[in-house]
Amino acid sequence: MKPLVMKYIGRDDFSHPVYKDQEGNIWKDLNMGRGKPELYSVTGNDPDGEPLYPIQAESLFDPAPYQENPYEFEYMLLDRMRMNCDYYLGYGRKAASILGGDPQGHIKEMKELWEKFPEDGKPQWLTWEDILDYEKKILS
């Protein structure tokens, strides 16, 4: 039996990586992109279908299997903090409660989060200069 070649096609509603093989069958990784994929067939061959049976055939990945970014949560948190700054400076009318009651602490936490990222993983949507600009606008 020849191996199934899996192509990553996205994530389902529960963030499980989803693959399609060369036969058009859909497979879901129940390991959530952490380590070796644990592939299961799905109901109705639908990417959002429920997992059914584990894969029995040998499988190859083209390209390599999806791997979750270890900094995914930090990216989400930093983006939320950025949005809070935008709201604070706009419709929020500089209400300190928007920034957890501590605007200076909010900026400090943003800087700490940003510095956690490796050099090749720094967010392009928020530069260090952007954070310094928020700091200047918020703390002045």
N, C-alpha and C. Protein backbone atom coordinates (compact mmCIF):
# COMPACT_ATOMS: atom_id res chain seq x y z
N MET A 1 0.85 -1.18 0.00
CA MET A 1 0.00 0.00 0.00
C MET A 1 0.89 1.24 0.00
N LYS A 2 0.63 2.17 -0.92
CA LYS A 2 1.48 3.35 -0.98
C LYS A 2 1.05 4.35 0.09
N PRO A 3 2.00 5.14 0.61
CA PRO A 3 1.67 6.07 1.69
C PRO A 3 0.76 7.20 1.22
N LEU A 4 -0.01 7.71 2.15
CA LEU A 4 -0.86 8.86 1.87
C LEU A 4 -0.01 10.13 2.02
N VAL A 5 -0.14 11.03 1.06
CA VAL A 5 0.60 12.29 1.10
C VAL A 5 -0.37 13.37 1.59
N MET A 6 -0.04 13.94 2.74
CA MET A 6 -0.91 14.92 3.39
C MET A 6 -0.48 16.35 3.07
N LYS A 7 -1.46 17.16 2.71
CA LYS A 7 -1.23 18.60 2.51
C LYS A 7 -2.06 19.36 3.54
N TYR A 8 -1.41 20.26 4.23
CA TYR A 8 -2.09 21.08 5.23
C TYR A 8 -3.07 22.03 4.53
N ILE A 9 -4.34 22.05 4.99
CA ILE A 9 -5.33 22.92 4.35
C ILE A 9 -5.91 23.97 5.31
N GLY A 10 -5.52 23.93 6.57
CA GLY A 10 -6.01 24.94 7.51
C GLY A 10 -6.32 24.35 8.86
N ARG A 11 -7.07 25.11 9.66
CA ARG A 11 -7.47 24.66 10.98
C ARG A 11 -8.98 24.66 11.08
N ASP A 12 -9.51 23.73 11.87
CA ASP A 12 -10.96 23.65 12.03
C ASP A 12 -11.43 24.65 13.09
N ASP A 13 -12.71 24.57 13.43
CA ASP A 13 -13.30 25.51 14.40
C ASP A 13 -12.71 25.37 15.80
N PHE A 14 -12.02 24.27 16.08
CA PHE A 14 -11.41 24.06 17.39
C PHE A 14 -9.89 24.15 17.31
N SER A 15 -9.39 24.71 16.22
CA SER A 15 -7.95 24.94 15.99
C SER A 15 -7.14 23.67 15.75
N HIS A 16 -7.80 22.56 15.40
CA HIS A 16 -7.06 21.36 15.01
C HIS A 16 -6.53 21.55 13.59
N PRO A 17 -5.25 21.26 13.35
CA PRO A 17 -4.75 21.28 11.97
C PRO A 17 -5.50 20.24 11.13
N VAL A 18 -5.82 20.60 9.89
CA VAL A 18 -6.58 19.72 9.00
C VAL A 18 -5.76 19.50 7.73
N TYR A 19 -5.74 18.24 7.27
CA TYR A 19 -4.98 17.84 6.09
C TYR A 19 -5.90 17.17 5.08
N LYS A 20 -5.47 17.20 3.82
CA LYS A 20 -6.17 16.47 2.76
C LYS A 20 -5.14 15.58 2.09
N ASP A 21 -5.51 14.30 1.87
CA ASP A 21 -4.59 13.40 1.19
C ASP A 21 -4.83 13.44 -0.32
N GLN A 22 -4.01 12.69 -1.07
CA GLN A 22 -4.10 12.72 -2.54
C GLN A 22 -5.40 12.11 -3.06
N GLU A 23 -6.13 11.42 -2.21
CA GLU A 23 -7.42 10.83 -2.60
C GLU A 23 -8.59 11.77 -2.30
N GLY A 24 -8.29 12.91 -1.67
CA GLY A 24 -9.34 13.88 -1.33
C GLY A 24 -9.94 13.68 0.05
N ASN A 25 -9.40 12.74 0.82
CA ASN A 25 -9.91 12.49 2.17
C ASN A 25 -9.35 13.52 3.15
N ILE A 26 -10.18 13.92 4.10
CA ILE A 26 -9.82 14.91 5.11
C ILE A 26 -9.38 14.18 6.38
N TRP A 27 -8.30 14.68 6.98
CA TRP A 27 -7.76 14.12 8.22
C TRP A 27 -7.52 15.26 9.20
N LYS A 28 -7.76 14.99 10.47
CA LYS A 28 -7.63 16.00 11.51
C LYS A 28 -6.55 15.57 12.50
N ASP A 29 -5.66 16.50 12.87
CA ASP A 29 -4.60 16.23 13.84
C ASP A 29 -5.10 16.56 15.24
N LEU A 30 -5.32 15.53 16.06
CA LEU A 30 -5.83 15.76 17.41
C LEU A 30 -4.75 16.23 18.37
N ASN A 31 -3.49 16.24 17.94
CA ASN A 31 -2.40 16.77 18.77
C ASN A 31 -2.29 18.28 18.67
N MET A 32 -3.15 18.89 17.87
CA MET A 32 -3.22 20.35 17.76
C MET A 32 -1.92 20.98 17.24
N GLY A 33 -1.15 20.24 16.45
CA GLY A 33 0.08 20.80 15.91
C GLY A 33 1.23 20.77 16.89
N ARG A 34 1.10 20.00 17.95
CA ARG A 34 2.17 19.89 18.95
C ARG A 34 2.82 18.52 18.80
N GLY A 35 4.01 18.49 18.26
CA GLY A 35 4.71 17.22 18.09
C GLY A 35 4.21 16.45 16.89
N LYS A 36 4.33 15.11 16.99
CA LYS A 36 3.94 14.23 15.88
C LYS A 36 2.42 14.26 15.69
N PRO A 37 1.96 14.46 14.44
CA PRO A 37 0.51 14.50 14.19
C PRO A 37 -0.18 13.18 14.55
N GLU A 38 -1.35 13.29 15.15
CA GLU A 38 -2.21 12.15 15.48
C GLU A 38 -3.45 12.30 14.61
N LEU A 39 -3.40 11.69 13.42
CA LEU A 39 -4.43 11.91 12.41
C LEU A 39 -5.64 11.01 12.56
N TYR A 40 -6.82 11.61 12.39
CA TYR A 40 -8.09 10.89 12.45
C TYR A 40 -8.94 11.29 11.25
N SER A 41 -9.70 10.32 10.73
CA SER A 41 -10.68 10.64 9.69
C SER A 41 -11.80 11.45 10.34
N VAL A 42 -12.63 12.09 9.51
CA VAL A 42 -13.69 12.94 10.07
C VAL A 42 -15.04 12.60 9.44
N THR A 43 -16.11 12.89 10.18
CA THR A 43 -17.47 12.63 9.67
C THR A 43 -17.74 13.46 8.44
N GLY A 44 -18.35 12.85 7.45
CA GLY A 44 -18.76 13.53 6.23
C GLY A 44 -17.61 14.09 5.42
N ASN A 45 -16.39 13.67 5.72
CA ASN A 45 -15.20 14.19 5.03
C ASN A 45 -15.21 15.73 5.02
N ASP A 46 -15.66 16.29 6.15
CA ASP A 46 -15.80 17.74 6.32
C ASP A 46 -14.73 18.23 7.29
N PRO A 47 -13.98 19.28 6.95
CA PRO A 47 -12.94 19.76 7.85
C PRO A 47 -13.43 20.06 9.27
N ASP A 48 -14.70 20.42 9.43
CA ASP A 48 -15.23 20.68 10.76
C ASP A 48 -16.00 19.49 11.33
N GLY A 49 -15.89 18.32 10.66
CA GLY A 49 -16.56 17.12 11.15
C GLY A 49 -15.88 16.56 12.39
N GLU A 50 -16.60 15.69 13.09
CA GLU A 50 -16.06 15.06 14.29
C GLU A 50 -15.02 14.01 13.93
N PRO A 51 -13.96 13.87 14.74
CA PRO A 51 -12.96 12.82 14.48
C PRO A 51 -13.60 11.44 14.63
N LEU A 52 -13.21 10.52 13.72
CA LEU A 52 -13.78 9.17 13.76
C LEU A 52 -12.73 8.13 14.12
N TYR A 53 -11.87 7.79 13.15
CA TYR A 53 -10.94 6.68 13.32
C TYR A 53 -9.51 7.13 13.08
N PRO A 54 -8.58 6.56 13.85
CA PRO A 54 -7.17 6.93 13.61
C PRO A 54 -6.70 6.40 12.26
N ILE A 55 -5.75 7.10 11.70
CA ILE A 55 -5.20 6.71 10.40
C ILE A 55 -4.47 5.38 10.56
N GLN A 56 -4.64 4.49 9.59
CA GLN A 56 -3.98 3.18 9.62
C GLN A 56 -2.81 3.12 8.65
N ALA A 57 -2.89 3.90 7.58
CA ALA A 57 -1.86 3.85 6.53
C ALA A 57 -0.68 4.74 6.91
N GLU A 58 0.45 4.43 6.29
CA GLU A 58 1.62 5.29 6.45
C GLU A 58 1.30 6.63 5.79
N SER A 59 1.79 7.71 6.38
CA SER A 59 1.51 9.02 5.79
C SER A 59 2.78 9.86 5.72
N LEU A 60 2.84 10.65 4.66
CA LEU A 60 3.94 11.60 4.44
C LEU A 60 3.32 12.98 4.40
N PHE A 61 4.12 13.97 4.69
CA PHE A 61 3.61 15.35 4.69
C PHE A 61 4.36 16.17 3.67
N ASP A 62 3.60 16.91 2.86
CA ASP A 62 4.19 17.76 1.83
C ASP A 62 3.52 19.13 1.88
N PRO A 63 4.14 20.15 2.42
CA PRO A 63 5.43 20.15 3.11
C PRO A 63 5.32 19.53 4.50
N ALA A 64 6.26 19.82 5.37
CA ALA A 64 6.27 19.26 6.73
C ALA A 64 4.94 19.55 7.43
N PRO A 65 4.58 18.72 8.43
CA PRO A 65 3.32 18.95 9.12
C PRO A 65 3.29 20.30 9.84
N TYR A 66 2.08 20.82 9.97
CA TYR A 66 1.87 22.08 10.68
C TYR A 66 2.37 21.94 12.12
N GLN A 67 3.08 22.94 12.60
CA GLN A 67 3.51 22.98 13.99
C GLN A 67 3.02 24.28 14.60
N GLU A 68 2.40 24.17 15.74
CA GLU A 68 1.91 25.35 16.44
C GLU A 68 3.08 26.25 16.82
N ASN A 69 2.88 27.54 16.69
CA ASN A 69 3.90 28.51 17.10
C ASN A 69 3.93 28.53 18.63
N PRO A 70 5.09 28.30 19.25
CA PRO A 70 5.13 28.29 20.71
C PRO A 70 4.80 29.64 21.33
N TYR A 71 4.79 30.70 20.54
CA TYR A 71 4.49 32.04 21.04
C TYR A 71 3.08 32.50 20.65
N GLU A 72 2.23 31.58 20.23
CA GLU A 72 0.91 31.96 19.74
C GLU A 72 0.12 32.77 20.78
N PHE A 73 0.11 32.32 22.02
CA PHE A 73 -0.64 33.04 23.05
C PHE A 73 -0.07 34.44 23.27
N GLU A 74 1.26 34.55 23.30
CA GLU A 74 1.90 35.86 23.51
C GLU A 74 1.56 36.83 22.38
N TYR A 75 1.51 36.32 21.13
CA TYR A 75 1.11 37.17 20.00
C TYR A 75 -0.32 37.68 20.20
N MET A 76 -1.22 36.78 20.59
CA MET A 76 -2.61 37.18 20.79
C MET A 76 -2.73 38.21 21.91
N LEU A 77 -2.01 37.97 23.00
CA LEU A 77 -2.07 38.89 24.14
C LEU A 77 -1.51 40.26 23.76
N LEU A 78 -0.37 40.28 23.08
CA LEU A 78 0.23 41.55 22.69
C LEU A 78 -0.69 42.31 21.73
N ASP A 79 -1.34 41.61 20.82
CA ASP A 79 -2.25 42.27 19.90
C ASP A 79 -3.45 42.85 20.65
N ARG A 80 -3.95 42.11 21.63
CA ARG A 80 -5.07 42.63 22.43
C ARG A 80 -4.63 43.88 23.19
N MET A 81 -3.42 43.86 23.73
CA MET A 81 -2.92 45.03 24.46
C MET A 81 -2.75 46.22 23.52
N ARG A 82 -2.34 45.97 22.29
CA ARG A 82 -2.22 47.02 21.28
C ARG A 82 -3.60 47.62 20.98
N MET A 83 -4.60 46.75 20.82
CA MET A 83 -5.96 47.23 20.55
C MET A 83 -6.48 48.06 21.72
N ASN A 84 -6.16 47.65 22.94
CA ASN A 84 -6.57 48.43 24.11
C ASN A 84 -5.95 49.82 24.09
N CYS A 85 -4.68 49.91 23.67
CA CYS A 85 -4.03 51.22 23.55
C CYS A 85 -4.76 52.09 22.54
N ASP A 86 -5.10 51.50 21.39
CA ASP A 86 -5.82 52.26 20.36
C ASP A 86 -7.15 52.78 20.89
N TYR A 87 -7.86 51.92 21.61
CA TYR A 87 -9.16 52.32 22.16
C TYR A 87 -8.97 53.41 23.22
N TYR A 88 -7.99 53.23 24.09
CA TYR A 88 -7.68 54.21 25.13
C TYR A 88 -7.43 55.59 24.53
N LEU A 89 -6.68 55.62 23.44
CA LEU A 89 -6.33 56.89 22.80
C LEU A 89 -7.47 57.47 21.95
N GLY A 90 -8.44 56.63 21.62
CA GLY A 90 -9.55 57.08 20.78
C GLY A 90 -10.84 57.19 21.56
N TYR A 91 -11.75 56.24 21.31
CA TYR A 91 -13.07 56.28 21.93
C TYR A 91 -13.04 56.11 23.44
N GLY A 92 -11.97 55.57 23.97
CA GLY A 92 -11.88 55.33 25.42
C GLY A 92 -11.66 56.58 26.24
N ARG A 93 -11.33 57.68 25.57
CA ARG A 93 -11.16 58.98 26.23
C ARG A 93 -10.19 58.92 27.41
N LYS A 94 -9.15 58.14 27.23
CA LYS A 94 -8.06 58.01 28.21
C LYS A 94 -8.54 57.54 29.59
N ALA A 95 -9.53 56.66 29.60
CA ALA A 95 -10.00 56.07 30.86
C ALA A 95 -9.00 54.98 31.26
N ALA A 96 -8.35 55.16 32.40
CA ALA A 96 -7.29 54.25 32.84
C ALA A 96 -7.78 52.81 32.99
N SER A 97 -9.07 52.63 33.26
CA SER A 97 -9.60 51.28 33.45
C SER A 97 -9.44 50.42 32.19
N ILE A 98 -9.35 51.06 31.04
CA ILE A 98 -9.17 50.32 29.78
C ILE A 98 -7.83 49.61 29.77
N LEU A 99 -6.84 50.19 30.46
CA LEU A 99 -5.50 49.60 30.51
C LEU A 99 -5.25 48.96 31.87
N GLY A 100 -6.28 48.37 32.43
CA GLY A 100 -6.15 47.68 33.70
C GLY A 100 -5.90 48.61 34.88
N GLY A 101 -6.24 49.88 34.72
CA GLY A 101 -6.04 50.84 35.79
C GLY A 101 -4.61 51.29 35.97
N ASP A 102 -3.72 50.80 35.11
CA ASP A 102 -2.29 51.10 35.25
C ASP A 102 -1.65 51.27 33.87
N PRO A 103 -1.81 52.44 33.26
CA PRO A 103 -1.24 52.65 31.92
C PRO A 103 0.26 52.37 31.85
N GLN A 104 1.01 52.79 32.86
CA GLN A 104 2.46 52.56 32.86
C GLN A 104 2.76 51.05 32.91
N GLY A 105 2.03 50.32 33.73
CA GLY A 105 2.20 48.87 33.82
C GLY A 105 1.82 48.18 32.52
N HIS A 106 0.81 48.70 31.86
CA HIS A 106 0.36 48.14 30.58
C HIS A 106 1.48 48.23 29.54
N ILE A 107 2.10 49.41 29.44
CA ILE A 107 3.19 49.60 28.48
C ILE A 107 4.39 48.73 28.87
N LYS A 108 4.68 48.65 30.15
CA LYS A 108 5.80 47.81 30.62
C LYS A 108 5.58 46.35 30.21
N GLU A 109 4.36 45.86 30.40
CA GLU A 109 4.03 44.47 30.03
C GLU A 109 4.15 44.26 28.53
N MET A 110 3.72 45.25 27.74
CA MET A 110 3.86 45.15 26.28
C MET A 110 5.33 45.03 25.89
N LYS A 111 6.18 45.81 26.52
CA LYS A 111 7.61 45.76 26.23
C LYS A 111 8.19 44.40 26.60
N GLU A 112 7.80 43.88 27.76
CA GLU A 112 8.30 42.57 28.20
C GLU A 112 7.86 41.46 27.25
N LEU A 113 6.60 41.50 26.83
CA LEU A 113 6.10 40.50 25.88
C LEU A 113 6.86 40.58 24.57
N TRP A 114 7.03 41.78 24.04
CA TRP A 114 7.70 41.97 22.76
C TRP A 114 9.13 41.45 22.82
N GLU A 115 9.81 41.66 23.94
CA GLU A 115 11.20 41.22 24.08
C GLU A 115 11.32 39.71 24.21
N LYS A 116 10.24 39.01 24.58
CA LYS A 116 10.26 37.54 24.69
C LYS A 116 10.45 36.85 23.35
N PHE A 117 9.99 37.49 22.28
CA PHE A 117 10.02 36.86 20.97
C PHE A 117 11.45 36.77 20.45
N PRO A 118 11.79 35.65 19.77
CA PRO A 118 13.12 35.57 19.14
C PRO A 118 13.24 36.62 18.04
N GLU A 119 14.46 36.97 17.68
CA GLU A 119 14.69 38.02 16.68
C GLU A 119 13.92 37.77 15.38
N ASP A 120 13.88 36.51 14.94
CA ASP A 120 13.18 36.20 13.69
C ASP A 120 11.68 36.01 13.88
N GLY A 121 11.20 36.21 15.12
CA GLY A 121 9.78 36.04 15.40
C GLY A 121 9.11 37.28 15.94
N LYS A 122 9.80 38.41 15.87
CA LYS A 122 9.21 39.66 16.35
C LYS A 122 8.01 40.01 15.45
N PRO A 123 6.90 40.46 16.04
CA PRO A 123 5.74 40.79 15.22
C PRO A 123 6.02 41.95 14.28
N GLN A 124 5.61 41.78 13.03
CA GLN A 124 5.78 42.85 12.04
C GLN A 124 4.69 43.90 12.19
N TRP A 125 3.58 43.53 12.80
CA TRP A 125 2.45 44.44 12.96
C TRP A 125 2.61 45.37 14.16
N LEU A 126 3.66 45.16 14.97
CA LEU A 126 3.92 46.03 16.12
C LEU A 126 5.42 46.07 16.36
N THR A 127 6.05 47.16 15.99
CA THR A 127 7.50 47.30 16.17
C THR A 127 7.79 47.88 17.55
N TRP A 128 9.06 47.83 17.92
CA TRP A 128 9.49 48.42 19.18
C TRP A 128 9.18 49.93 19.17
N GLU A 129 9.39 50.55 18.01
CA GLU A 129 9.12 51.98 17.88
C GLU A 129 7.63 52.28 18.07
N ASP A 130 6.77 51.36 17.61
CA ASP A 130 5.33 51.53 17.82
C ASP A 130 5.00 51.54 19.31
N ILE A 131 5.63 50.64 20.05
CA ILE A 131 5.39 50.57 21.50
C ILE A 131 5.87 51.86 22.17
N LEU A 132 7.03 52.34 21.76
CA LEU A 132 7.55 53.60 22.32
C LEU A 132 6.62 54.76 21.98
N ASP A 133 6.02 54.72 20.80
CA ASP A 133 5.07 55.76 20.41
C ASP A 133 3.81 55.70 21.28
N TYR A 134 3.31 54.48 21.54
CA TYR A 134 2.17 54.33 22.45
C TYR A 134 2.54 54.87 23.83
N GLU A 135 3.74 54.52 24.28
CA GLU A 135 4.19 54.98 25.60
C GLU A 135 4.17 56.51 25.68
N LYS A 136 4.69 57.13 24.67
CA LYS A 136 4.76 58.60 24.64
C LYS A 136 3.35 59.21 24.67
N LYS A 137 2.45 58.67 23.85
CA LYS A 137 1.09 59.21 23.77
C LYS A 137 0.28 58.94 25.04
N ILE A 138 0.46 57.76 25.62
CA ILE A 138 -0.35 57.37 26.77
C ILE A 138 0.15 58.00 28.07
N LEU A 139 1.45 58.07 28.23
CA LEU A 139 2.00 58.55 29.50
C LEU A 139 2.26 60.05 29.54
N SER A 140 1.95 60.74 28.44
CA SER A 140 2.18 62.20 28.45
C SER A 140 0.98 62.95 29.00
